[in-house]
C-alpha atoms as a PDB file:
ATOM      1  CA  UNK A   1       1.146 -12.997  -5.207  1.00  0.00           C
ATOM      2  CA  UNK A   2      -0.434 -11.785  -1.996  1.00  0.00           C
ATOM      3  CA  UNK A   3       1.279 -12.054   1.359  1.00  0.00           C
ATOM      4  CA  UNK A   4      -1.395 -14.511   2.509  1.00  0.00           C
ATOM      5  CA  UNK A   5      -0.794 -16.751  -0.514  1.00  0.00           C
ATOM      6  CA  UNK A   6       2.955 -16.650   0.083  1.00  0.00           C
ATOM      7  CA  UNK A   7       2.442 -17.666   3.727  1.00  0.00           C
ATOM      8  CA  UNK A   8       0.246 -20.595   2.708  1.00  0.00           C
ATOM      9  CA  UNK A   9       2.312 -21.805  -0.264  1.00  0.00           C
ATOM     10  CA  UNK A  10       5.657 -21.617   1.552  1.00  0.00           C
ATOM     11  CA  UNK A  11       4.329 -22.792   4.934  1.00  0.00           C
ATOM     12  CA  UNK A  12       5.621 -19.700   6.740  1.00  0.00           C
ATOM     13  CA  UNK A  13       5.044 -18.855  10.383  1.00  0.00           C
ATOM     14  CA  UNK A  14       3.455 -15.437  10.848  1.00  0.00           C
ATOM     15  CA  UNK A  15       5.135 -13.374  13.560  1.00  0.00           C
ATOM     16  CA  UNK A  16       3.602  -9.996  12.631  1.00  0.00           C
ATOM     17  CA  UNK A  17       0.494  -9.959  10.500  1.00  0.00           C
ATOM     18  CA  UNK A  18       0.316  -6.955   8.175  1.00  0.00           C
ATOM     19  CA  UNK A  19      -1.373  -6.357   4.851  1.00  0.00           C
ATOM     20  CA  UNK A  20      -2.314  -9.943   4.056  1.00  0.00           C
ATOM     21  CA  UNK A  21      -3.887  -8.838   0.756  1.00  0.00           C
ATOM     22  CA  UNK A  22      -0.917  -6.689  -0.303  1.00  0.00           C
ATOM     23  CA  UNK A  23       0.624  -7.844  -3.562  1.00  0.00           C
ATOM     24  CA  UNK A  24       4.241  -8.979  -3.488  1.00  0.00           C
ATOM     25  CA  UNK A  25       5.672  -8.029  -6.875  1.00  0.00           C
ATOM     26  CA  UNK A  26       9.289  -9.042  -6.390  1.00  0.00           C
ATOM     27  CA  UNK A  27      11.764 -10.511  -3.930  1.00  0.00           C
ATOM     28  CA  UNK A  28      15.278  -9.784  -2.737  1.00  0.00           C
ATOM     29  CA  UNK A  29      17.615 -12.130  -0.888  1.00  0.00           C
ATOM     30  CA  UNK A  30      20.490 -10.615   1.059  1.00  0.00           C
ATOM     31  CA  UNK A  31      22.041 -10.414   4.502  1.00  0.00           C
ATOM     32  CA  UNK A  32      23.961  -7.237   3.793  1.00  0.00           C
ATOM     33  CA  UNK A  33      21.619  -4.421   4.783  1.00  0.00           C
ATOM     34  CA  UNK A  34      23.448  -1.803   2.712  1.00  0.00           C
ATOM     35  CA  UNK A  35      22.869  -4.057  -0.305  1.00  0.00           C
ATOM     36  CA  UNK A  36      19.171  -4.201   0.536  1.00  0.00           C
ATOM     37  CA  UNK A  37      18.977  -0.391   0.822  1.00  0.00           C
ATOM     38  CA  UNK A  38      20.735   0.102  -2.504  1.00  0.00           C
ATOM     39  CA  UNK A  39      19.165  -2.655  -4.584  1.00  0.00           C
ATOM     40  CA  UNK A  40      15.939  -4.119  -3.210  1.00  0.00           C
ATOM     41  CA  UNK A  41      12.874  -3.233  -5.276  1.00  0.00           C
ATOM     42  CA  UNK A  42       9.853  -1.768  -3.534  1.00  0.00           C
ATOM     43  CA  UNK A  43       6.748  -3.907  -3.007  1.00  0.00           C
ATOM     44  CA  UNK A  44       8.982  -6.917  -2.458  1.00  0.00           C
ATOM     45  CA  UNK A  45       9.691  -9.515   0.171  1.00  0.00           C
ATOM     46  CA  UNK A  46      13.102  -9.571   1.831  1.00  0.00           C
ATOM     47  CA  UNK A  47      14.547 -13.051   2.393  1.00  0.00           C
ATOM     48  CA  UNK A  48      17.281 -12.967   5.040  1.00  0.00           C
ATOM     49  CA  UNK A  49      18.773 -14.367   8.230  1.00  0.00           C
ATOM     50  CA  UNK A  50      19.230 -10.878   9.711  1.00  0.00           C
ATOM     51  CA  UNK A  51      16.890 -10.978  12.694  1.00  0.00           C
ATOM     52  CA  UNK A  52      17.160  -7.570  14.344  1.00  0.00           C
ATOM     53  CA  UNK A  53      15.269  -4.293  14.285  1.00  0.00           C
ATOM     54  CA  UNK A  54      17.701  -2.645  11.850  1.00  0.00           C
ATOM     55  CA  UNK A  55      16.404  -5.059   9.217  1.00  0.00           C
ATOM     56  CA  UNK A  56      12.948  -3.526   9.662  1.00  0.00           C
ATOM     57  CA  UNK A  57      14.371   0.001   9.386  1.00  0.00           C
ATOM     58  CA  UNK A  58      16.106  -0.870   6.119  1.00  0.00           C
ATOM     59  CA  UNK A  59      12.982  -2.601   4.810  1.00  0.00           C
ATOM     60  CA  UNK A  60      10.986   0.546   5.541  1.00  0.00           C
ATOM     61  CA  UNK A  61      13.481   2.704   3.615  1.00  0.00           C
ATOM     62  CA  UNK A  62      13.402   0.316   0.658  1.00  0.00           C
ATOM     63  CA  UNK A  63       9.601   0.010   0.518  1.00  0.00           C
ATOM     64  CA  UNK A  64       9.669  -3.693   1.357  1.00  0.00           C
ATOM     65  CA  UNK A  65       6.311  -5.057   2.501  1.00  0.00           C
ATOM     66  CA  UNK A  66       7.363  -8.357   4.098  1.00  0.00           C
ATOM     67  CA  UNK A  67      10.425  -9.936   5.675  1.00  0.00           C
ATOM     68  CA  UNK A  68      11.060 -13.673   5.842  1.00  0.00           C
ATOM     69  CA  UNK A  69      13.614 -14.679   8.473  1.00  0.00           C
ATOM     70  CA  UNK A  70      15.131 -18.005   7.446  1.00  0.00           C
ATOM     71  CA  UNK A  71      16.910 -20.940   9.067  1.00  0.00           C
ATOM     72  CA  UNK A  72      14.765 -20.866  12.195  1.00  0.00           C
ATOM     73  CA  UNK A  73      16.563 -17.839  13.581  1.00  0.00           C
ATOM     74  CA  UNK A  74      15.003 -16.483  16.772  1.00  0.00           C
ATOM     75  CA  UNK A  75      13.322 -13.117  16.280  1.00  0.00           C
ATOM     76  CA  UNK A  76      13.855 -10.602  19.082  1.00  0.00           C
ATOM     77  CA  UNK A  77      10.991  -8.657  20.591  1.00  0.00           C
ATOM     78  CA  UNK A  78      12.309  -5.278  19.411  1.00  0.00           C
ATOM     79  CA  UNK A  79      12.213  -6.509  15.802  1.00  0.00           C
ATOM     80  CA  UNK A  80       8.655  -7.732  16.263  1.00  0.00           C
ATOM     81  CA  UNK A  81       7.653  -4.378  17.732  1.00  0.00           C
ATOM     82  CA  UNK A  82       9.355  -2.440  14.927  1.00  0.00           C
ATOM     83  CA  UNK A  83       7.683  -4.535  12.209  1.00  0.00           C
ATOM     84  CA  UNK A  84       4.293  -3.996  13.834  1.00  0.00           C
ATOM     85  CA  UNK A  85       4.900  -0.261  14.124  1.00  0.00           C
ATOM     86  CA  UNK A  86       5.922  -0.019  10.455  1.00  0.00           C
ATOM     87  CA  UNK A  87       3.184  -2.303   9.108  1.00  0.00           C
ATOM     88  CA  UNK A  88       5.639  -4.807   7.663  1.00  0.00           C
ATOM     89  CA  UNK A  89       4.679  -8.488   7.667  1.00  0.00           C
ATOM     90  CA  UNK A  90       7.275 -10.483   9.604  1.00  0.00           C
ATOM     91  CA  UNK A  91       7.463 -14.167   8.752  1.00  0.00           C
ATOM     92  CA  UNK A  92       9.676 -17.028   9.831  1.00  0.00           C
ATOM     93  CA  UNK A  93      10.710 -20.408   8.444  1.00  0.00           C
ATOM     94  CA  UNK A  94      13.064 -23.233   9.289  1.00  0.00           C
ATOM     95  CA  UNK A  95      14.059 -23.412   5.612  1.00  0.00           C
ATOM     96  CA  UNK A  96      17.243 -21.757   4.391  1.00  0.00           C
ATOM     97  CA  UNK A  97      17.454 -18.766   2.060  1.00  0.00           C
ATOM     98  CA  UNK A  98      18.050 -20.875  -1.049  1.00  0.00           C
ATOM     99  CA  UNK A  99      14.913 -22.931  -0.438  1.00  0.00           C
ATOM    100  CA  UNK A 100      12.775 -19.894   0.323  1.00  0.00           C
ATOM    101  CA  UNK A 101      14.124 -17.904  -2.633  1.00  0.00           C
ATOM    102  CA  UNK A 102      13.321 -20.800  -4.954  1.00  0.00           C
ATOM    103  CA  UNK A 103       9.805 -21.081  -3.568  1.00  0.00           C
ATOM    104  CA  UNK A 104       9.131 -17.365  -3.877  1.00  0.00           C
ATOM    105  CA  UNK A 105      10.536 -17.344  -7.413  1.00  0.00           C
ATOM    106  CA  UNK A 106       8.280 -20.225  -8.384  1.00  0.00           C
ATOM    107  CA  UNK A 107       5.221 -18.439  -6.977  1.00  0.00           C
ATOM    108  CA  UNK A 108       6.069 -15.162  -8.699  1.00  0.00           C
ATOM    109  CA  UNK A 109       7.297 -16.391 -12.077  1.00  0.00           C
ATOM    110  CA  UNK A 110       6.613 -20.130 -12.338  1.00  0.00           C
END
């Protein structure tokens, strides 16, 4: 699934546009950044409520191509700047992590 398809299918708000045609091959849902560093597969989307620039740093280390911030959390400017600098798509939704994870799973494997 491409990032652009994921945005459309899950009705996500784009905060930082990056690599709309990049293929998302997997997903990882976690709020524990050490867990993300240790276990998230590359070329995946991170589904989280962690809205700060350290999330972008961890995503970069893990090879994550997109971050979805859930539950309508506000996204600070330094996170937006970091995502833009690193070329990571930054997306937002009012839906919770369970809903988003289910939607991403359905798009990837359904």
